[in-house]
Amino acid sequence: QVQLVESGGGLVQAGGSLRLSCAVSGRPFSSYTMGWFRRAPGKEREFVAAITSIGIDTLYADSVKGRFTISRDSAKNTVYLQMNSLKPEDTAVYYCATSSQITMDGREWGNWGQGTQVTVSS
């Protein structure tokens, strides 16, 4: 059984940066497409970014394109989300998950982590 543990969240001012990490254990890391989603208070969960199993292809939501970068380190079994130029509307709990394909459809993702809170103050 695969386990995902997110870390790196916190409080940051608008315009600042954070890097989230998601450590994967229990199954071969290289077999999964990895993704990040977020859920803001009172809103539905939304797709943020994804990266294929060998890191060649990436996919971003329009709202974060050009500001966020997803990457993965196979040696550390970890996927990262570098978040720059943060805005108050980026405030949410951020979750990582696995999939067999690169897609924005949350129904195709599983093995959700517990989430990490990101709060951006104005």
N, C-alpha and C. Protein backbone atom coordinates (compact mmCIF):
# COMPACT_ATOMS: atom_id res chain seq x y z
N GLN A 1 0.84 -1.19 0.00
CA GLN A 1 0.00 0.00 0.00
C GLN A 1 0.88 1.24 0.00
N VAL A 2 0.55 2.18 -0.87
CA VAL A 2 1.35 3.39 -0.98
C VAL A 2 0.88 4.42 0.04
N GLN A 3 1.84 5.16 0.58
CA GLN A 3 1.53 6.24 1.52
C GLN A 3 2.18 7.53 1.04
N LEU A 4 1.44 8.63 1.17
CA LEU A 4 1.92 9.94 0.76
C LEU A 4 1.88 10.88 1.96
N VAL A 5 2.96 11.60 2.19
CA VAL A 5 3.03 12.54 3.30
C VAL A 5 3.52 13.88 2.78
N GLU A 6 2.64 14.89 2.88
CA GLU A 6 2.97 16.24 2.43
C GLU A 6 3.61 17.03 3.56
N SER A 7 4.43 18.00 3.18
CA SER A 7 5.03 18.92 4.14
C SER A 7 5.42 20.19 3.41
N GLY A 8 5.77 21.21 4.20
CA GLY A 8 6.27 22.44 3.61
C GLY A 8 5.30 23.60 3.60
N GLY A 9 4.06 23.36 4.03
CA GLY A 9 3.10 24.44 4.07
C GLY A 9 3.44 25.45 5.15
N GLY A 10 2.69 26.56 5.16
CA GLY A 10 2.92 27.58 6.16
C GLY A 10 2.24 28.87 5.80
N LEU A 11 2.61 29.91 6.53
CA LEU A 11 2.06 31.26 6.33
C LEU A 11 3.10 32.09 5.60
N VAL A 12 2.69 32.75 4.54
CA VAL A 12 3.60 33.58 3.75
C VAL A 12 2.86 34.81 3.26
N GLN A 13 3.57 35.89 3.07
CA GLN A 13 2.96 37.10 2.54
C GLN A 13 2.78 36.99 1.03
N ALA A 14 1.83 37.73 0.52
CA ALA A 14 1.62 37.78 -0.92
C ALA A 14 2.91 38.16 -1.63
N GLY A 15 3.18 37.47 -2.72
CA GLY A 15 4.42 37.69 -3.46
C GLY A 15 5.55 36.77 -3.03
N GLY A 16 5.35 36.08 -1.93
CA GLY A 16 6.39 35.18 -1.41
C GLY A 16 6.37 33.83 -2.07
N SER A 17 7.22 32.93 -1.54
CA SER A 17 7.38 31.60 -2.12
C SER A 17 7.34 30.53 -1.04
N LEU A 18 6.92 29.34 -1.43
CA LEU A 18 6.98 28.15 -0.59
C LEU A 18 7.28 26.97 -1.49
N ARG A 19 7.91 25.95 -0.91
CA ARG A 19 8.09 24.70 -1.62
C ARG A 19 7.47 23.57 -0.83
N LEU A 20 6.49 22.92 -1.43
CA LEU A 20 5.85 21.77 -0.82
C LEU A 20 6.55 20.49 -1.24
N SER A 21 6.56 19.52 -0.34
CA SER A 21 7.14 18.21 -0.62
C SER A 21 6.10 17.14 -0.35
N CYS A 22 6.18 16.05 -1.11
CA CYS A 22 5.32 14.90 -0.90
C CYS A 22 6.19 13.66 -0.97
N ALA A 23 6.39 13.03 0.17
CA ALA A 23 7.21 11.82 0.24
C ALA A 23 6.34 10.60 0.04
N VAL A 24 6.79 9.70 -0.83
CA VAL A 24 6.02 8.52 -1.21
C VAL A 24 6.73 7.27 -0.71
N SER A 25 5.97 6.36 -0.10
CA SER A 25 6.53 5.10 0.37
C SER A 25 5.55 3.97 0.10
N GLY A 26 6.07 2.77 0.07
CA GLY A 26 5.22 1.59 -0.02
C GLY A 26 5.13 0.96 -1.39
N ARG A 27 5.31 1.71 -2.45
CA ARG A 27 5.27 1.18 -3.81
C ARG A 27 6.31 1.90 -4.64
N PRO A 28 6.75 1.28 -5.74
CA PRO A 28 7.76 1.95 -6.57
C PRO A 28 7.30 3.33 -7.03
N PHE A 29 8.06 4.33 -6.62
CA PHE A 29 7.73 5.72 -6.93
C PHE A 29 7.62 5.94 -8.43
N SER A 30 8.50 5.30 -9.18
CA SER A 30 8.58 5.54 -10.62
C SER A 30 7.36 5.03 -11.37
N SER A 31 6.49 4.26 -10.74
CA SER A 31 5.33 3.73 -11.44
C SER A 31 4.16 4.70 -11.49
N TYR A 32 4.25 5.81 -10.78
CA TYR A 32 3.10 6.72 -10.65
C TYR A 32 3.30 8.05 -11.33
N THR A 33 2.25 8.52 -11.97
CA THR A 33 2.12 9.94 -12.25
C THR A 33 1.75 10.60 -10.93
N MET A 34 2.36 11.73 -10.62
CA MET A 34 2.13 12.41 -9.34
C MET A 34 1.45 13.76 -9.58
N GLY A 35 0.61 14.14 -8.65
CA GLY A 35 -0.10 15.40 -8.83
C GLY A 35 -0.34 16.12 -7.52
N TRP A 36 -0.65 17.40 -7.66
CA TRP A 36 -1.03 18.24 -6.53
C TRP A 36 -2.43 18.81 -6.79
N PHE A 37 -3.24 18.80 -5.76
CA PHE A 37 -4.56 19.40 -5.77
C PHE A 37 -4.64 20.33 -4.56
N ARG A 38 -5.67 21.16 -4.53
CA ARG A 38 -5.88 22.00 -3.37
C ARG A 38 -7.37 22.19 -3.12
N ARG A 39 -7.69 22.47 -1.87
CA ARG A 39 -9.07 22.76 -1.49
C ARG A 39 -9.07 24.00 -0.61
N ALA A 40 -9.67 25.06 -1.12
CA ALA A 40 -9.82 26.29 -0.36
C ALA A 40 -11.09 26.21 0.49
N PRO A 41 -11.17 26.99 1.56
CA PRO A 41 -12.36 26.95 2.42
C PRO A 41 -13.63 27.23 1.63
N GLY A 42 -14.60 26.35 1.75
CA GLY A 42 -15.87 26.54 1.08
C GLY A 42 -15.88 26.26 -0.40
N LYS A 43 -14.79 25.71 -0.91
CA LYS A 43 -14.71 25.45 -2.35
C LYS A 43 -14.44 23.98 -2.62
N GLU A 44 -14.66 23.60 -3.87
CA GLU A 44 -14.36 22.23 -4.28
C GLU A 44 -12.85 22.04 -4.43
N ARG A 45 -12.45 20.79 -4.30
CA ARG A 45 -11.05 20.47 -4.57
C ARG A 45 -10.74 20.76 -6.04
N GLU A 46 -9.56 21.33 -6.30
CA GLU A 46 -9.20 21.65 -7.68
C GLU A 46 -7.78 21.17 -7.99
N PHE A 47 -7.61 20.84 -9.25
CA PHE A 47 -6.31 20.40 -9.75
C PHE A 47 -5.33 21.57 -9.75
N VAL A 48 -4.08 21.27 -9.42
CA VAL A 48 -3.03 22.30 -9.45
C VAL A 48 -1.97 21.95 -10.50
N ALA A 49 -1.35 20.78 -10.36
CA ALA A 49 -0.25 20.42 -11.25
C ALA A 49 -0.03 18.91 -11.21
N ALA A 50 0.59 18.39 -12.27
CA ALA A 50 0.90 16.97 -12.33
C ALA A 50 2.16 16.76 -13.14
N ILE A 51 2.81 15.61 -12.88
CA ILE A 51 4.03 15.26 -13.58
C ILE A 51 4.02 13.76 -13.84
N THR A 52 4.42 13.36 -15.04
CA THR A 52 4.39 11.94 -15.40
C THR A 52 5.44 11.15 -14.64
N SER A 53 5.33 9.83 -14.75
CA SER A 53 6.15 8.94 -13.93
C SER A 53 7.65 9.13 -14.13
N ILE A 54 8.08 9.50 -15.33
CA ILE A 54 9.51 9.71 -15.54
C ILE A 54 9.83 11.19 -15.70
N GLY A 55 8.85 12.04 -15.41
CA GLY A 55 9.11 13.46 -15.29
C GLY A 55 9.26 14.22 -16.59
N ILE A 56 8.81 13.62 -17.69
CA ILE A 56 8.97 14.31 -18.97
C ILE A 56 7.85 15.31 -19.21
N ASP A 57 6.65 14.92 -18.90
CA ASP A 57 5.49 15.79 -19.16
C ASP A 57 4.94 16.37 -17.87
N THR A 58 4.51 17.62 -17.95
CA THR A 58 3.85 18.28 -16.83
C THR A 58 2.55 18.92 -17.30
N LEU A 59 1.68 19.19 -16.35
CA LEU A 59 0.38 19.79 -16.63
C LEU A 59 0.06 20.74 -15.49
N TYR A 60 -0.43 21.94 -15.82
CA TYR A 60 -0.72 22.94 -14.80
C TYR A 60 -2.12 23.51 -15.00
N ALA A 61 -2.74 23.86 -13.90
CA ALA A 61 -3.96 24.65 -13.98
C ALA A 61 -3.61 26.04 -14.47
N ASP A 62 -4.52 26.65 -15.20
CA ASP A 62 -4.25 28.00 -15.73
C ASP A 62 -3.96 29.00 -14.61
N SER A 63 -4.58 28.79 -13.46
CA SER A 63 -4.45 29.74 -12.36
C SER A 63 -3.05 29.76 -11.75
N VAL A 64 -2.25 28.71 -12.00
CA VAL A 64 -0.91 28.66 -11.40
C VAL A 64 0.20 28.63 -12.45
N LYS A 65 -0.18 28.53 -13.70
CA LYS A 65 0.82 28.43 -14.77
C LYS A 65 1.73 29.65 -14.75
N GLY A 66 3.04 29.39 -14.82
CA GLY A 66 4.02 30.46 -14.79
C GLY A 66 4.46 30.86 -13.40
N ARG A 67 3.73 30.38 -12.37
CA ARG A 67 4.11 30.70 -10.99
C ARG A 67 4.53 29.45 -10.21
N PHE A 68 3.92 28.33 -10.51
CA PHE A 68 4.20 27.08 -9.80
C PHE A 68 4.98 26.14 -10.72
N THR A 69 5.85 25.34 -10.11
CA THR A 69 6.61 24.34 -10.85
C THR A 69 6.59 23.01 -10.10
N ILE A 70 6.19 21.96 -10.78
CA ILE A 70 6.19 20.62 -10.19
C ILE A 70 7.44 19.88 -10.66
N SER A 71 8.02 19.12 -9.75
CA SER A 71 9.20 18.32 -10.10
C SER A 71 9.20 17.07 -9.23
N ARG A 72 10.07 16.11 -9.59
CA ARG A 72 10.16 14.89 -8.81
C ARG A 72 11.60 14.44 -8.73
N ASP A 73 11.93 13.80 -7.62
CA ASP A 73 13.28 13.29 -7.38
C ASP A 73 13.14 11.80 -7.07
N SER A 74 13.49 10.96 -8.04
CA SER A 74 13.33 9.52 -7.87
C SER A 74 14.24 8.96 -6.79
N ALA A 75 15.39 9.56 -6.58
CA ALA A 75 16.31 9.09 -5.56
C ALA A 75 15.72 9.28 -4.16
N LYS A 76 14.87 10.29 -4.01
CA LYS A 76 14.27 10.59 -2.71
C LYS A 76 12.80 10.19 -2.63
N ASN A 77 12.27 9.61 -3.70
CA ASN A 77 10.85 9.23 -3.74
C ASN A 77 9.96 10.40 -3.32
N THR A 78 10.25 11.56 -3.87
CA THR A 78 9.56 12.78 -3.45
C THR A 78 9.17 13.61 -4.66
N VAL A 79 8.00 14.20 -4.58
CA VAL A 79 7.55 15.16 -5.59
C VAL A 79 7.43 16.52 -4.91
N TYR A 80 7.78 17.56 -5.64
CA TYR A 80 7.81 18.91 -5.09
C TYR A 80 6.85 19.82 -5.84
N LEU A 81 6.42 20.87 -5.17
CA LEU A 81 5.67 21.93 -5.81
C LEU A 81 6.28 23.26 -5.36
N GLN A 82 7.05 23.86 -6.25
CA GLN A 82 7.62 25.17 -5.97
C GLN A 82 6.59 26.23 -6.33
N MET A 83 6.23 27.04 -5.34
CA MET A 83 5.18 28.04 -5.53
C MET A 83 5.79 29.43 -5.36
N ASN A 84 5.79 30.20 -6.41
CA ASN A 84 6.31 31.56 -6.40
C ASN A 84 5.19 32.56 -6.65
N SER A 85 5.47 33.81 -6.35
CA SER A 85 4.50 34.89 -6.57
C SER A 85 3.14 34.52 -5.99
N LEU A 86 3.14 34.05 -4.78
CA LEU A 86 1.90 33.57 -4.17
C LEU A 86 0.89 34.70 -3.98
N LYS A 87 -0.37 34.33 -4.11
CA LYS A 87 -1.48 35.27 -3.99
C LYS A 87 -2.40 34.81 -2.87
N PRO A 88 -3.16 35.70 -2.28
CA PRO A 88 -4.12 35.27 -1.22
C PRO A 88 -5.07 34.18 -1.71
N GLU A 89 -5.42 34.19 -2.98
CA GLU A 89 -6.32 33.17 -3.51
C GLU A 89 -5.67 31.80 -3.64
N ASP A 90 -4.37 31.71 -3.38
CA ASP A 90 -3.70 30.40 -3.34
C ASP A 90 -3.87 29.72 -1.98
N THR A 91 -4.46 30.42 -1.03
CA THR A 91 -4.68 29.86 0.30
C THR A 91 -5.58 28.63 0.21
N ALA A 92 -5.09 27.52 0.74
CA ALA A 92 -5.82 26.25 0.64
C ALA A 92 -5.03 25.17 1.37
N VAL A 93 -5.68 24.03 1.54
CA VAL A 93 -4.96 22.82 1.93
C VAL A 93 -4.52 22.14 0.63
N TYR A 94 -3.24 21.82 0.56
CA TYR A 94 -2.68 21.21 -0.64
C TYR A 94 -2.45 19.72 -0.39
N TYR A 95 -2.89 18.93 -1.37
CA TYR A 95 -2.80 17.48 -1.28
C TYR A 95 -2.01 16.93 -2.46
N CYS A 96 -1.25 15.87 -2.22
CA CYS A 96 -0.66 15.15 -3.34
C CYS A 96 -1.38 13.82 -3.51
N ALA A 97 -1.28 13.27 -4.70
CA ALA A 97 -1.98 12.05 -5.04
C ALA A 97 -1.28 11.35 -6.19
N THR A 98 -1.68 10.11 -6.45
CA THR A 98 -1.10 9.34 -7.54
C THR A 98 -2.15 9.02 -8.58
N SER A 99 -1.68 8.76 -9.79
CA SER A 99 -2.56 8.37 -10.87
C SER A 99 -1.78 7.53 -11.87
N SER A 100 -2.52 6.87 -12.76
CA SER A 100 -1.88 6.12 -13.84
C SER A 100 -1.78 6.96 -15.11
N GLN A 101 -2.34 8.17 -15.07
CA GLN A 101 -2.30 9.04 -16.24
C GLN A 101 -2.22 10.50 -15.80
N ILE A 102 -1.79 11.35 -16.71
CA ILE A 102 -1.70 12.78 -16.40
C ILE A 102 -3.01 13.42 -16.83
N THR A 103 -3.78 13.88 -15.85
CA THR A 103 -5.12 14.38 -16.08
C THR A 103 -5.50 15.35 -14.97
N MET A 104 -6.41 16.28 -15.31
CA MET A 104 -6.92 17.21 -14.31
C MET A 104 -8.14 16.63 -13.57
N ASP A 105 -8.65 15.52 -14.04
CA ASP A 105 -9.85 14.93 -13.47
C ASP A 105 -9.53 14.28 -12.13
N GLY A 106 -10.03 14.85 -11.05
CA GLY A 106 -9.74 14.33 -9.72
C GLY A 106 -10.20 12.91 -9.50
N ARG A 107 -11.17 12.45 -10.28
CA ARG A 107 -11.67 11.08 -10.12
C ARG A 107 -10.65 10.04 -10.55
N GLU A 108 -9.63 10.46 -11.29
CA GLU A 108 -8.59 9.53 -11.76
C GLU A 108 -7.41 9.46 -10.81
N TRP A 109 -7.53 10.11 -9.66
CA TRP A 109 -6.42 10.18 -8.71
C TRP A 109 -6.79 9.45 -7.42
N GLY A 110 -5.75 8.92 -6.75
CA GLY A 110 -5.99 8.20 -5.50
C GLY A 110 -4.79 8.29 -4.57
N ASN A 111 -4.84 7.52 -3.52
CA ASN A 111 -3.78 7.48 -2.51
C ASN A 111 -3.49 8.87 -1.95
N TRP A 112 -4.53 9.60 -1.63
CA TRP A 112 -4.38 10.99 -1.19
C TRP A 112 -3.61 11.08 0.12
N GLY A 113 -2.74 12.10 0.20
CA GLY A 113 -2.07 12.40 1.45
C GLY A 113 -3.01 13.14 2.39
N GLN A 114 -2.48 13.52 3.55
CA GLN A 114 -3.32 14.17 4.57
C GLN A 114 -3.43 15.67 4.34
N GLY A 115 -2.57 16.22 3.50
CA GLY A 115 -2.63 17.63 3.16
C GLY A 115 -1.71 18.49 4.01
N THR A 116 -1.38 19.65 3.47
CA THR A 116 -0.58 20.64 4.18
C THR A 116 -1.18 22.02 3.91
N GLN A 117 -1.33 22.81 4.96
CA GLN A 117 -2.01 24.11 4.85
C GLN A 117 -1.06 25.17 4.32
N VAL A 118 -1.52 25.90 3.33
CA VAL A 118 -0.81 27.07 2.81
C VAL A 118 -1.71 28.28 3.01
N THR A 119 -1.19 29.29 3.68
CA THR A 119 -1.94 30.52 3.91
C THR A 119 -1.13 31.70 3.41
N VAL A 120 -1.74 32.46 2.51
CA VAL A 120 -1.07 33.62 1.92
C VAL A 120 -1.80 34.87 2.40
N SER A 121 -1.09 35.71 3.11
CA SER A 121 -1.68 36.95 3.63
C SER A 121 -1.47 38.10 2.66
N SER A 122 -2.41 39.01 2.66
CA SER A 122 -2.35 40.15 1.73
C SER A 122 -1.62 41.33 2.36
